[in-house]
Amino acid sequence: TYLFSAHMVQHLVLTMVVTPLLIGGTPGWMLRPALRSRAVAAIARRITTGPAAFAIFNVTIVVWHLPPLYNYALTHHPVHIVQHLCFLVASTIMWWPVMSTMPELPRLSYPKQMLYLVLMTLPMSAVAMLITYSGTVLFPPYAAAPRVWELSPLQDQRLGGLVMWIPGGFVFIGVLSVAFFRWVAELERQDRAAEAAQA
């Protein structure tokens, strides 16, 4: 409630740290019973594809950072809780095509993962750029908040935009790098297997 930049760090942790850890720490067998329902399985297959996951996450991020809705969430705590739950759900769906632990809802191939992650940097960067380069305070509740650092509301807003822009992009690029090296390792294993079969 004091610093927009601190709030952006919180959102970054929710979407870029918490949900990958949740997915990585939840084995597929724990989730499999939910897929016994045909309706649940059909919805899960549809929303965990690359295009659907991309759209769900980025629409959620853009909509909740529109000033009217963001300011409303700041001044109404139940709405703020809903906002954070939306971020958790949307980011879980977003990470699924890269981190799936279930063959029923498979990961994208490594080349598609890399394309997906490159594209994922674009909408968040666009939102962050608009916030960073805005010449006016977009979120008035922070302008009225006590100054806990020697930052003006506009400087705080710009710092928050940079937090959203740079570390968020680095996370996607870092995961893309892991996907690239795993893809190279897989190709090398396939080459060795083919050579062994010929021998």
Protein backbone atom coordinates (compact mmCIF):
# COMPACT_ATOMS: atom_id res chain seq x y z
CA THR A 1 0.00 0.00 0.00
CA TYR A 2 3.04 2.34 0.19
CA LEU A 3 5.15 1.59 -2.89
CA PHE A 4 4.06 0.59 -6.38
CA SER A 5 7.55 -0.83 -6.99
CA ALA A 6 7.27 -3.13 -3.94
CA HIS A 7 3.87 -4.28 -5.16
CA MET A 8 5.39 -5.13 -8.54
CA VAL A 9 8.05 -7.23 -6.80
CA GLN A 10 5.23 -9.08 -5.05
CA HIS A 11 3.43 -9.72 -8.36
CA LEU A 12 6.68 -10.88 -9.95
CA VAL A 13 7.30 -13.35 -7.12
CA LEU A 14 3.73 -14.69 -7.39
CA THR A 15 3.91 -15.25 -11.15
CA MET A 16 7.58 -16.06 -11.75
CA VAL A 17 8.65 -17.88 -8.57
CA VAL A 18 5.67 -19.25 -6.64
CA THR A 19 3.82 -20.95 -9.49
CA PRO A 20 6.86 -22.65 -11.09
CA LEU A 21 7.73 -24.02 -7.64
CA LEU A 22 4.14 -25.21 -7.16
CA ILE A 23 4.13 -27.01 -10.52
CA GLY A 24 7.60 -28.47 -10.01
CA GLY A 25 6.69 -29.68 -6.53
CA THR A 26 3.37 -31.30 -7.47
CA PRO A 27 3.74 -34.76 -9.01
CA GLY A 28 1.37 -35.72 -11.80
CA TRP A 29 -0.28 -38.52 -9.81
CA MET A 30 -1.67 -35.95 -7.36
CA LEU A 31 -3.47 -34.11 -10.16
CA ARG A 32 -4.52 -37.11 -12.21
CA PRO A 33 -7.75 -37.88 -10.27
CA ALA A 34 -9.14 -34.48 -11.35
CA LEU A 35 -8.84 -35.57 -14.99
CA ARG A 36 -11.24 -38.48 -14.44
CA SER A 37 -14.03 -36.01 -15.11
CA ARG A 38 -14.38 -35.67 -18.88
CA ALA A 39 -15.39 -32.03 -18.57
CA VAL A 40 -12.37 -31.15 -16.42
CA ALA A 41 -10.03 -33.09 -18.72
CA ALA A 42 -11.42 -31.37 -21.81
CA ILE A 43 -11.07 -27.90 -20.26
CA ALA A 44 -7.57 -28.68 -18.97
CA ARG A 45 -6.42 -29.88 -22.41
CA ARG A 46 -7.81 -26.75 -24.02
CA ILE A 47 -6.36 -24.14 -21.63
CA THR A 48 -2.89 -25.69 -21.31
CA THR A 49 -2.05 -25.46 -25.00
CA GLY A 50 0.54 -22.83 -25.90
CA PRO A 51 -1.81 -20.30 -27.57
CA ALA A 52 -4.49 -20.56 -24.88
CA ALA A 53 -2.01 -20.32 -22.00
CA PHE A 54 -0.34 -17.32 -23.67
CA ALA A 55 -3.67 -15.53 -24.08
CA ILE A 56 -4.99 -16.31 -20.59
CA PHE A 57 -1.88 -15.08 -18.81
CA ASN A 58 -1.34 -11.93 -20.83
CA VAL A 59 -4.99 -10.84 -20.86
CA THR A 60 -5.03 -11.30 -17.06
CA ILE A 61 -1.86 -9.22 -16.64
CA VAL A 62 -3.03 -6.44 -18.97
CA VAL A 63 -6.57 -6.18 -17.57
CA TRP A 64 -5.51 -6.10 -13.91
CA HIS A 65 -2.91 -3.39 -14.62
CA LEU A 66 -5.42 -1.04 -16.25
CA PRO A 67 -5.49 1.94 -13.86
CA PRO A 68 -9.24 1.86 -13.03
CA LEU A 69 -9.21 -1.83 -12.08
CA TYR A 70 -5.80 -1.71 -10.40
CA ASN A 71 -6.79 1.32 -8.30
CA TYR A 72 -10.08 -0.35 -7.37
CA ALA A 73 -8.17 -3.43 -6.16
CA LEU A 74 -5.88 -1.21 -4.08
CA THR A 75 -8.79 0.35 -2.24
CA HIS A 76 -10.91 -2.83 -1.83
CA HIS A 77 -9.05 -5.63 -0.09
CA PRO A 78 -11.35 -8.51 -1.21
CA VAL A 79 -10.82 -7.43 -4.84
CA HIS A 80 -7.08 -7.31 -4.19
CA ILE A 81 -7.21 -10.93 -3.00
CA VAL A 82 -9.12 -11.89 -6.17
CA GLN A 83 -6.47 -10.08 -8.24
CA HIS A 84 -3.67 -12.14 -6.68
CA LEU A 85 -5.64 -15.38 -7.08
CA CYS A 86 -6.12 -14.52 -10.76
CA PHE A 87 -2.35 -14.02 -11.10
CA LEU A 88 -1.67 -17.39 -9.44
CA VAL A 89 -4.15 -19.28 -11.62
CA ALA A 90 -3.15 -17.53 -14.86
CA SER A 91 0.58 -17.99 -14.23
CA THR A 92 0.07 -21.68 -13.38
CA ILE A 93 -1.64 -22.11 -16.75
CA MET A 94 1.10 -20.03 -18.41
CA TRP A 95 3.94 -22.18 -17.06
CA TRP A 96 2.18 -25.49 -17.78
CA PRO A 97 3.23 -25.86 -21.45
CA VAL A 98 6.86 -25.56 -20.29
CA MET A 99 6.78 -27.45 -16.97
CA SER A 100 3.96 -30.01 -17.22
CA THR A 101 4.36 -33.05 -14.97
CA MET A 102 1.62 -35.04 -16.73
CA PRO A 103 1.75 -36.84 -20.10
CA GLU A 104 -2.02 -36.29 -20.39
CA LEU A 105 -1.33 -32.53 -20.52
CA PRO A 106 2.05 -32.57 -22.25
CA ARG A 107 4.74 -29.93 -22.50
CA LEU A 108 5.46 -28.22 -25.78
CA SER A 109 8.41 -29.54 -27.76
CA TYR A 110 11.67 -27.72 -26.98
CA PRO A 111 11.62 -25.55 -30.15
CA LYS A 112 8.02 -24.56 -29.45
CA GLN A 113 8.90 -23.84 -25.80
CA MET A 114 11.59 -21.44 -26.95
CA LEU A 115 9.25 -19.63 -29.34
CA TYR A 116 6.55 -19.51 -26.64
CA LEU A 117 8.96 -18.00 -24.10
CA VAL A 118 10.26 -15.39 -26.54
CA LEU A 119 6.71 -14.33 -27.36
CA MET A 120 5.81 -14.31 -23.66
CA THR A 121 8.24 -11.45 -23.04
CA LEU A 122 6.43 -9.11 -25.43
CA PRO A 123 3.05 -8.27 -23.80
CA MET A 124 4.49 -7.86 -20.30
CA SER A 125 7.25 -5.65 -21.70
CA ALA A 126 4.65 -3.51 -23.49
CA VAL A 127 2.65 -3.00 -20.28
CA ALA A 128 5.85 -2.27 -18.33
CA MET A 129 7.01 0.25 -20.95
CA LEU A 130 3.71 2.13 -20.79
CA ILE A 131 3.96 2.30 -17.00
CA THR A 132 7.65 3.24 -17.02
CA TYR A 133 7.38 6.00 -19.62
CA SER A 134 4.12 7.49 -18.41
CA GLY A 135 4.51 11.16 -17.54
CA THR A 136 1.67 11.06 -15.01
CA VAL A 137 0.93 9.01 -11.91
CA LEU A 138 -1.38 6.22 -13.09
CA PHE A 139 -2.17 4.87 -9.63
CA PRO A 140 -3.25 7.75 -7.32
CA PRO A 141 -3.44 5.68 -4.09
CA TYR A 142 0.37 5.54 -4.13
CA ALA A 143 0.59 9.31 -4.52
CA ALA A 144 -1.39 9.70 -1.28
CA ALA A 145 0.61 7.03 0.58
CA PRO A 146 3.35 7.95 3.10
CA ARG A 147 6.77 8.18 1.46
CA VAL A 148 8.81 5.37 2.99
CA TRP A 149 11.70 5.96 0.56
CA GLU A 150 12.94 9.18 -0.98
CA LEU A 151 11.09 8.46 -4.18
CA SER A 152 8.38 10.62 -5.67
CA PRO A 153 5.21 8.76 -6.72
CA LEU A 154 6.27 9.07 -10.37
CA GLN A 155 9.79 7.76 -9.66
CA ASP A 156 8.27 4.87 -7.71
CA GLN A 157 5.96 4.11 -10.63
CA ARG A 158 8.86 4.12 -13.06
CA LEU A 159 10.88 1.84 -10.80
CA GLY A 160 7.89 -0.52 -10.61
CA GLY A 161 7.64 -0.56 -14.39
CA LEU A 162 11.33 -1.46 -14.63
CA VAL A 163 10.87 -4.23 -12.05
CA MET A 164 8.09 -5.67 -14.18
CA TRP A 165 10.04 -5.22 -17.41
CA ILE A 166 13.62 -6.32 -16.76
CA PRO A 167 13.57 -9.13 -14.15
CA GLY A 168 10.38 -10.56 -15.68
CA GLY A 169 12.05 -10.72 -19.10
CA PHE A 170 15.19 -12.27 -17.62
CA VAL A 171 13.13 -15.08 -16.08
CA PHE A 172 11.69 -16.02 -19.47
CA ILE A 173 15.10 -15.78 -21.17
CA GLY A 174 16.66 -17.91 -18.42
CA VAL A 175 14.04 -20.64 -18.84
CA LEU A 176 14.42 -20.39 -22.63
CA SER A 177 18.17 -21.03 -22.20
CA VAL A 178 17.44 -24.16 -20.16
CA ALA A 179 15.04 -25.39 -22.86
CA PHE A 180 17.68 -24.75 -25.52
CA PHE A 181 20.38 -26.77 -23.75
CA ARG A 182 17.93 -29.60 -23.00
CA TRP A 183 16.98 -29.66 -26.69
CA VAL A 184 20.65 -29.86 -27.72
CA ALA A 185 21.22 -32.69 -25.21
CA GLU A 186 18.19 -34.55 -26.57
CA LEU A 187 19.43 -34.20 -30.16
CA GLU A 188 22.86 -35.54 -29.10
CA ARG A 189 21.22 -38.54 -27.40
CA GLN A 190 19.22 -39.24 -30.54
CA ASP A 191 22.40 -39.05 -32.66
CA ARG A 192 24.24 -41.45 -30.35
CA ALA A 193 21.29 -43.85 -30.39
CA ALA A 194 21.18 -43.76 -34.20
CA GLU A 195 24.92 -44.40 -34.43
CA ALA A 196 24.63 -47.29 -31.98
CA ALA A 197 21.79 -48.80 -34.01
CA GLN A 198 23.82 -48.56 -37.22
CA ALA A 199 26.84 -50.15 -35.53
